Structure formats: structure tokens, C-alpha cells
Amino acid sequence: MDHDTPATLRPELPQPLELPPGIAPVEGPAYQWGQCVVALGDLVNDGSFPDVPDGAVLVDVGSEGEVVQVGVHEASQLPVYMVDFAGRVVGCAEGEIMLAMELHDLARQARPSLGAQP
């Protein structure tokens, strides 16, 4: 008698996205799967989206997204983050995104105290 849980009762684990050709998994990236990040600038189509004109804005500056996969560009050995911005998954370099939590902290520090008088 098999005492394993039947496959129909096992919870489905999320499957990572398949990385594009030329991108391999990476160890020790700055950002991890599941983290909320913010686009630090407009993210434009570099030709990766054939249904969108080259140079068109894919994601507006300040848009929040979730890291859904992390890889490394084989030629440059730099991390590449696949980020889901409201249903559109875009490959980002580290310099193009920032943790949303860190950005919110920076904004909070930059605001003058509400109780301070000039």
C-alpha cells in the first residue's frame, strides 16, 4: 500500500518562468524572487517584444512589479531580473530597478517633518 499523498491532493508549486536564450540562472543576485521592485526609469522595448514597436515604453518610471525569475546574461555575466509589471514580464538590469521598500524609505527620509515650522 502506498502511503504517499495522491498527486491530486498535493499543492501545486509555482513554476519559475523559462529564461530567454542567453540567460542562465545566477547565484547571489541583489534581488530575489518575490520581491517588490520599482522601475527607476521608463523601460523601453529593445526588440524583445515583437508586438510592440522598438523604443516604445513598456513600463513607466515608478511602476511597481514583482521579481518572478533571476538569471545572468551569459556574455556579460550580469544579473537579469524578470519582473512582472501588472501582467507584462520585462527583463531588467540591477540599475533599472530598486526595492520598493527602499524607495519608500528614501522618500520618507526626504520629506520634511510634518510638525516642523520654517
N, C-alpha and C. Protein backbone atom coordinates (compact mmCIF):
# COMPACT_ATOMS: atom_id res chain seq x y z
N MET A 1 0.84 -1.18 0.00
CA MET A 1 0.00 0.00 0.00
C MET A 1 0.89 1.25 0.00
N ASP A 2 0.61 2.18 -0.87
CA ASP A 2 1.39 3.41 -1.00
C ASP A 2 0.81 4.45 -0.06
N HIS A 3 1.67 4.99 0.83
CA HIS A 3 1.20 5.97 1.81
C HIS A 3 1.49 7.40 1.39
N ASP A 4 2.00 7.58 0.18
CA ASP A 4 2.26 8.94 -0.31
C ASP A 4 0.94 9.65 -0.55
N THR A 5 0.99 10.96 -0.45
CA THR A 5 -0.18 11.77 -0.74
C THR A 5 -0.48 11.68 -2.23
N PRO A 6 -1.72 11.44 -2.59
CA PRO A 6 -2.06 11.39 -4.02
C PRO A 6 -1.72 12.72 -4.69
N ALA A 7 -1.29 12.64 -5.92
CA ALA A 7 -0.89 13.84 -6.66
C ALA A 7 -2.02 14.87 -6.70
N THR A 8 -3.25 14.43 -6.71
CA THR A 8 -4.38 15.37 -6.79
C THR A 8 -4.54 16.16 -5.50
N LEU A 9 -3.95 15.68 -4.38
CA LEU A 9 -4.07 16.39 -3.11
C LEU A 9 -2.84 17.23 -2.78
N ARG A 10 -1.76 17.08 -3.54
CA ARG A 10 -0.55 17.86 -3.30
C ARG A 10 -0.74 19.28 -3.82
N PRO A 11 -0.30 20.27 -3.05
CA PRO A 11 -0.43 21.64 -3.56
C PRO A 11 0.49 21.85 -4.76
N GLU A 12 0.01 22.64 -5.70
CA GLU A 12 0.82 22.98 -6.87
C GLU A 12 1.84 24.04 -6.47
N LEU A 13 3.10 23.79 -6.76
CA LEU A 13 4.13 24.79 -6.52
C LEU A 13 4.24 25.67 -7.75
N PRO A 14 4.50 26.97 -7.54
CA PRO A 14 4.65 27.85 -8.71
C PRO A 14 5.87 27.42 -9.51
N GLN A 15 5.72 27.43 -10.81
CA GLN A 15 6.83 27.07 -11.70
C GLN A 15 7.55 28.35 -12.11
N PRO A 16 8.89 28.36 -12.04
CA PRO A 16 9.61 29.56 -12.49
C PRO A 16 9.43 29.74 -13.99
N LEU A 17 9.50 30.99 -14.42
CA LEU A 17 9.42 31.27 -15.85
C LEU A 17 10.65 30.72 -16.54
N GLU A 18 10.49 30.33 -17.78
CA GLU A 18 11.63 29.89 -18.57
C GLU A 18 12.42 31.12 -18.98
N LEU A 19 13.72 31.09 -18.74
CA LEU A 19 14.56 32.23 -19.09
C LEU A 19 14.78 32.28 -20.60
N PRO A 20 14.89 33.50 -21.14
CA PRO A 20 15.15 33.64 -22.57
C PRO A 20 16.51 33.06 -22.95
N PRO A 21 16.72 32.73 -24.23
CA PRO A 21 18.03 32.24 -24.66
C PRO A 21 19.13 33.24 -24.30
N GLY A 22 20.27 32.75 -23.87
CA GLY A 22 21.39 33.62 -23.49
C GLY A 22 21.36 34.04 -22.04
N ILE A 23 20.34 33.63 -21.28
CA ILE A 23 20.22 33.97 -19.87
C ILE A 23 20.28 32.67 -19.08
N ALA A 24 21.15 32.61 -18.08
CA ALA A 24 21.31 31.41 -17.26
C ALA A 24 21.04 31.77 -15.80
N PRO A 25 20.66 30.79 -14.95
CA PRO A 25 20.46 31.08 -13.52
C PRO A 25 21.72 31.65 -12.90
N VAL A 26 21.55 32.49 -11.87
CA VAL A 26 22.68 33.16 -11.22
C VAL A 26 22.64 32.93 -9.72
N GLU A 27 23.81 32.91 -9.09
CA GLU A 27 23.91 32.80 -7.63
C GLU A 27 24.19 34.19 -7.06
N GLY A 28 23.56 34.51 -5.95
CA GLY A 28 23.86 35.74 -5.22
C GLY A 28 23.42 37.04 -5.86
N PRO A 29 22.24 37.12 -6.47
CA PRO A 29 21.79 38.39 -7.05
C PRO A 29 21.39 39.39 -5.96
N ALA A 30 21.30 40.65 -6.35
CA ALA A 30 20.90 41.70 -5.40
C ALA A 30 19.43 41.58 -5.02
N TYR A 31 18.59 41.11 -5.95
CA TYR A 31 17.17 40.97 -5.70
C TYR A 31 16.78 39.51 -5.83
N GLN A 32 15.73 39.14 -5.14
CA GLN A 32 15.29 37.75 -5.10
C GLN A 32 13.87 37.62 -5.64
N TRP A 33 13.53 36.39 -6.03
CA TRP A 33 12.19 36.06 -6.49
C TRP A 33 11.18 36.50 -5.43
N GLY A 34 10.11 37.14 -5.86
CA GLY A 34 9.03 37.54 -4.97
C GLY A 34 9.16 38.94 -4.40
N GLN A 35 10.31 39.59 -4.57
CA GLN A 35 10.46 40.93 -4.02
C GLN A 35 9.76 41.96 -4.90
N CYS A 36 9.20 42.98 -4.24
CA CYS A 36 8.54 44.07 -4.93
C CYS A 36 9.58 45.13 -5.28
N VAL A 37 9.64 45.49 -6.55
CA VAL A 37 10.61 46.48 -7.02
C VAL A 37 9.90 47.59 -7.77
N VAL A 38 10.62 48.69 -8.00
CA VAL A 38 10.10 49.86 -8.70
C VAL A 38 11.02 50.15 -9.89
N ALA A 39 10.43 50.49 -11.03
CA ALA A 39 11.21 50.90 -12.20
C ALA A 39 11.78 52.29 -11.95
N LEU A 40 13.10 52.43 -12.08
CA LEU A 40 13.76 53.70 -11.83
C LEU A 40 13.73 54.63 -13.04
N GLY A 41 13.30 54.14 -14.15
CA GLY A 41 13.16 54.92 -15.37
C GLY A 41 12.16 54.22 -16.27
N ASP A 42 11.79 54.88 -17.36
CA ASP A 42 10.93 54.21 -18.33
C ASP A 42 11.68 53.02 -18.91
N LEU A 43 11.03 51.86 -18.96
CA LEU A 43 11.64 50.67 -19.56
C LEU A 43 11.09 50.56 -20.98
N VAL A 44 11.98 50.59 -21.97
CA VAL A 44 11.57 50.61 -23.37
C VAL A 44 11.87 49.29 -24.06
N ASN A 45 11.15 49.04 -25.13
CA ASN A 45 11.31 47.81 -25.91
C ASN A 45 12.63 47.85 -26.67
N ASP A 46 13.47 46.85 -26.40
CA ASP A 46 14.74 46.72 -27.11
C ASP A 46 14.63 45.72 -28.25
N GLY A 47 13.40 45.38 -28.61
CA GLY A 47 13.16 44.39 -29.66
C GLY A 47 12.71 43.06 -29.10
N SER A 48 12.69 42.93 -27.78
CA SER A 48 12.28 41.69 -27.13
C SER A 48 10.78 41.42 -27.26
N PHE A 49 10.00 42.46 -27.50
CA PHE A 49 8.55 42.34 -27.63
C PHE A 49 8.18 42.62 -29.08
N PRO A 50 8.03 41.57 -29.90
CA PRO A 50 7.78 41.79 -31.33
C PRO A 50 6.45 42.49 -31.64
N ASP A 51 5.50 42.44 -30.71
CA ASP A 51 4.20 43.08 -30.95
C ASP A 51 4.18 44.55 -30.53
N VAL A 52 5.33 45.07 -30.05
CA VAL A 52 5.44 46.45 -29.60
C VAL A 52 6.56 47.11 -30.40
N PRO A 53 6.35 48.33 -30.89
CA PRO A 53 7.42 49.00 -31.67
C PRO A 53 8.71 49.15 -30.85
N ASP A 54 9.85 49.01 -31.51
CA ASP A 54 11.13 49.23 -30.85
C ASP A 54 11.18 50.63 -30.27
N GLY A 55 11.67 50.76 -29.05
CA GLY A 55 11.78 52.06 -28.40
C GLY A 55 10.52 52.49 -27.67
N ALA A 56 9.43 51.77 -27.84
CA ALA A 56 8.19 52.13 -27.14
C ALA A 56 8.31 51.83 -25.65
N VAL A 57 7.67 52.64 -24.83
CA VAL A 57 7.72 52.44 -23.38
C VAL A 57 6.88 51.22 -23.02
N LEU A 58 7.52 50.26 -22.35
CA LEU A 58 6.83 49.06 -21.86
C LEU A 58 6.31 49.27 -20.45
N VAL A 59 7.12 49.96 -19.63
CA VAL A 59 6.81 50.19 -18.22
C VAL A 59 7.21 51.62 -17.88
N ASP A 60 6.31 52.37 -17.26
CA ASP A 60 6.59 53.75 -16.88
C ASP A 60 7.44 53.81 -15.61
N VAL A 61 8.26 54.86 -15.52
CA VAL A 61 9.05 55.10 -14.32
C VAL A 61 8.12 55.12 -13.11
N GLY A 62 8.55 54.50 -12.02
CA GLY A 62 7.77 54.46 -10.79
C GLY A 62 6.81 53.30 -10.69
N SER A 63 6.66 52.53 -11.77
CA SER A 63 5.76 51.37 -11.74
C SER A 63 6.33 50.30 -10.82
N GLU A 64 5.45 49.67 -10.05
CA GLU A 64 5.87 48.59 -9.16
C GLU A 64 5.63 47.25 -9.83
N GLY A 65 6.54 46.32 -9.57
CA GLY A 65 6.42 44.97 -10.11
C GLY A 65 7.02 43.98 -9.14
N GLU A 66 6.90 42.70 -9.49
CA GLU A 66 7.41 41.62 -8.65
C GLU A 66 8.43 40.82 -9.43
N VAL A 67 9.59 40.57 -8.79
CA VAL A 67 10.62 39.73 -9.41
C VAL A 67 10.08 38.31 -9.48
N VAL A 68 10.02 37.75 -10.71
CA VAL A 68 9.48 36.41 -10.88
C VAL A 68 10.54 35.40 -11.32
N GLN A 69 11.73 35.89 -11.67
CA GLN A 69 12.83 35.00 -12.06
C GLN A 69 14.11 35.81 -12.06
N VAL A 70 15.20 35.14 -11.75
CA VAL A 70 16.51 35.78 -11.73
C VAL A 70 17.45 34.94 -12.57
N GLY A 71 18.23 35.60 -13.42
CA GLY A 71 19.20 34.90 -14.24
C GLY A 71 20.44 35.76 -14.41
N VAL A 72 21.32 35.32 -15.28
CA VAL A 72 22.52 36.08 -15.59
C VAL A 72 22.72 36.06 -17.11
N HIS A 73 23.09 37.20 -17.65
CA HIS A 73 23.38 37.29 -19.08
C HIS A 73 24.70 36.57 -19.31
N GLU A 74 24.69 35.56 -20.16
CA GLU A 74 25.87 34.71 -20.34
C GLU A 74 27.09 35.48 -20.81
N ALA A 75 26.92 36.41 -21.73
CA ALA A 75 28.07 37.13 -22.28
C ALA A 75 28.68 38.09 -21.26
N SER A 76 27.85 38.84 -20.55
CA SER A 76 28.35 39.86 -19.61
C SER A 76 28.48 39.36 -18.18
N GLN A 77 27.83 38.23 -17.87
CA GLN A 77 27.78 37.68 -16.51
C GLN A 77 27.10 38.63 -15.52
N LEU A 78 26.25 39.52 -16.01
CA LEU A 78 25.50 40.44 -15.15
C LEU A 78 24.12 39.86 -14.87
N PRO A 79 23.60 40.10 -13.65
CA PRO A 79 22.25 39.60 -13.32
C PRO A 79 21.17 40.23 -14.20
N VAL A 80 20.17 39.44 -14.51
CA VAL A 80 18.99 39.89 -15.24
C VAL A 80 17.79 39.47 -14.41
N TYR A 81 16.88 40.40 -14.18
CA TYR A 81 15.70 40.15 -13.36
C TYR A 81 14.47 40.19 -14.26
N MET A 82 13.70 39.11 -14.24
CA MET A 82 12.43 39.09 -14.95
C MET A 82 11.40 39.62 -13.95
N VAL A 83 10.81 40.77 -14.27
CA VAL A 83 9.90 41.46 -13.36
C VAL A 83 8.51 41.54 -13.99
N ASP A 84 7.51 41.12 -13.23
CA ASP A 84 6.12 41.18 -13.67
C ASP A 84 5.54 42.53 -13.26
N PHE A 85 5.34 43.40 -14.25
CA PHE A 85 4.71 44.69 -14.04
C PHE A 85 3.27 44.59 -14.54
N ALA A 86 2.35 44.31 -13.64
CA ALA A 86 0.92 44.23 -13.97
C ALA A 86 0.64 43.35 -15.18
N GLY A 87 1.25 42.18 -15.20
CA GLY A 87 0.99 41.22 -16.27
C GLY A 87 1.96 41.25 -17.42
N ARG A 88 2.84 42.24 -17.48
CA ARG A 88 3.86 42.31 -18.53
C ARG A 88 5.21 42.01 -17.87
N VAL A 89 5.83 40.89 -18.27
CA VAL A 89 7.11 40.48 -17.70
C VAL A 89 8.23 41.07 -18.56
N VAL A 90 9.08 41.86 -17.90
CA VAL A 90 10.15 42.58 -18.58
C VAL A 90 11.48 42.23 -17.94
N GLY A 91 12.50 42.00 -18.76
CA GLY A 91 13.85 41.77 -18.25
C GLY A 91 14.48 43.08 -17.85
N CYS A 92 15.05 43.12 -16.63
CA CYS A 92 15.63 44.35 -16.10
C CYS A 92 17.05 44.10 -15.58
N ALA A 93 17.90 45.09 -15.74
CA ALA A 93 19.22 45.08 -15.11
C ALA A 93 19.09 45.66 -13.71
N GLU A 94 20.08 45.41 -12.85
CA GLU A 94 20.02 45.92 -11.47
C GLU A 94 19.84 47.42 -11.41
N GLY A 95 20.47 48.16 -12.31
CA GLY A 95 20.38 49.61 -12.29
C GLY A 95 19.05 50.17 -12.75
N GLU A 96 18.18 49.32 -13.27
CA GLU A 96 16.88 49.77 -13.75
C GLU A 96 15.77 49.62 -12.73
N ILE A 97 16.06 48.93 -11.62
CA ILE A 97 15.04 48.69 -10.59
C ILE A 97 15.61 48.94 -9.21
N MET A 98 14.72 49.10 -8.25
CA MET A 98 15.08 49.28 -6.84
C MET A 98 13.99 48.66 -6.00
N LEU A 99 14.36 48.11 -4.86
CA LEU A 99 13.34 47.56 -3.97
C LEU A 99 12.34 48.65 -3.61
N ALA A 100 11.07 48.36 -3.74
CA ALA A 100 10.02 49.34 -3.43
C ALA A 100 10.15 49.83 -1.99
N MET A 101 10.47 48.92 -1.09
CA MET A 101 10.60 49.26 0.33
C MET A 101 11.72 50.31 0.51
N GLU A 102 12.84 50.14 -0.18
CA GLU A 102 13.95 51.10 -0.07
C GLU A 102 13.56 52.46 -0.63
N LEU A 103 12.84 52.46 -1.75
CA LEU A 103 12.41 53.72 -2.35
C LEU A 103 11.45 54.45 -1.43
N HIS A 104 10.51 53.72 -0.81
CA HIS A 104 9.57 54.34 0.12
C HIS A 104 10.32 54.91 1.32
N ASP A 105 11.35 54.20 1.81
CA ASP A 105 12.15 54.70 2.93
C ASP A 105 12.89 55.97 2.54
N LEU A 106 13.47 56.01 1.34
CA LEU A 106 14.16 57.22 0.88
C LEU A 106 13.21 58.40 0.78
N ALA A 107 12.02 58.16 0.26
CA ALA A 107 11.02 59.23 0.14
C ALA A 107 10.62 59.75 1.52
N ARG A 108 10.44 58.84 2.46
CA ARG A 108 10.06 59.23 3.82
C ARG A 108 11.16 60.09 4.46
N GLN A 109 12.41 59.72 4.24
CA GLN A 109 13.54 60.47 4.80
C GLN A 109 13.68 61.85 4.15
N ALA A 110 13.31 61.95 2.87
CA ALA A 110 13.46 63.20 2.14
C ALA A 110 12.38 64.20 2.51
N ARG A 111 11.22 63.74 2.99
CA ARG A 111 10.13 64.65 3.35
C ARG A 111 10.47 65.37 4.66
N PRO A 112 10.22 66.66 4.72
CA PRO A 112 10.40 67.35 5.98
C PRO A 112 9.37 66.87 6.99
N SER A 113 9.72 66.96 8.24
CA SER A 113 8.79 66.53 9.28
C SER A 113 7.50 67.34 9.18
N LEU A 114 6.37 66.67 9.31
CA LEU A 114 5.08 67.33 9.19
C LEU A 114 4.88 68.38 10.29
N GLY A 115 5.50 68.17 11.44
CA GLY A 115 5.32 69.11 12.54
C GLY A 115 6.30 70.25 12.54
N ALA A 116 7.30 70.24 11.67
CA ALA A 116 8.34 71.28 11.68
C ALA A 116 7.80 72.56 11.06
N GLN A 117 8.18 73.70 11.66
CA GLN A 117 7.80 75.00 11.16
C GLN A 117 9.03 75.67 10.57
N PRO A 118 8.89 76.39 9.45
CA PRO A 118 10.04 77.08 8.83
C PRO A 118 10.54 78.22 9.66
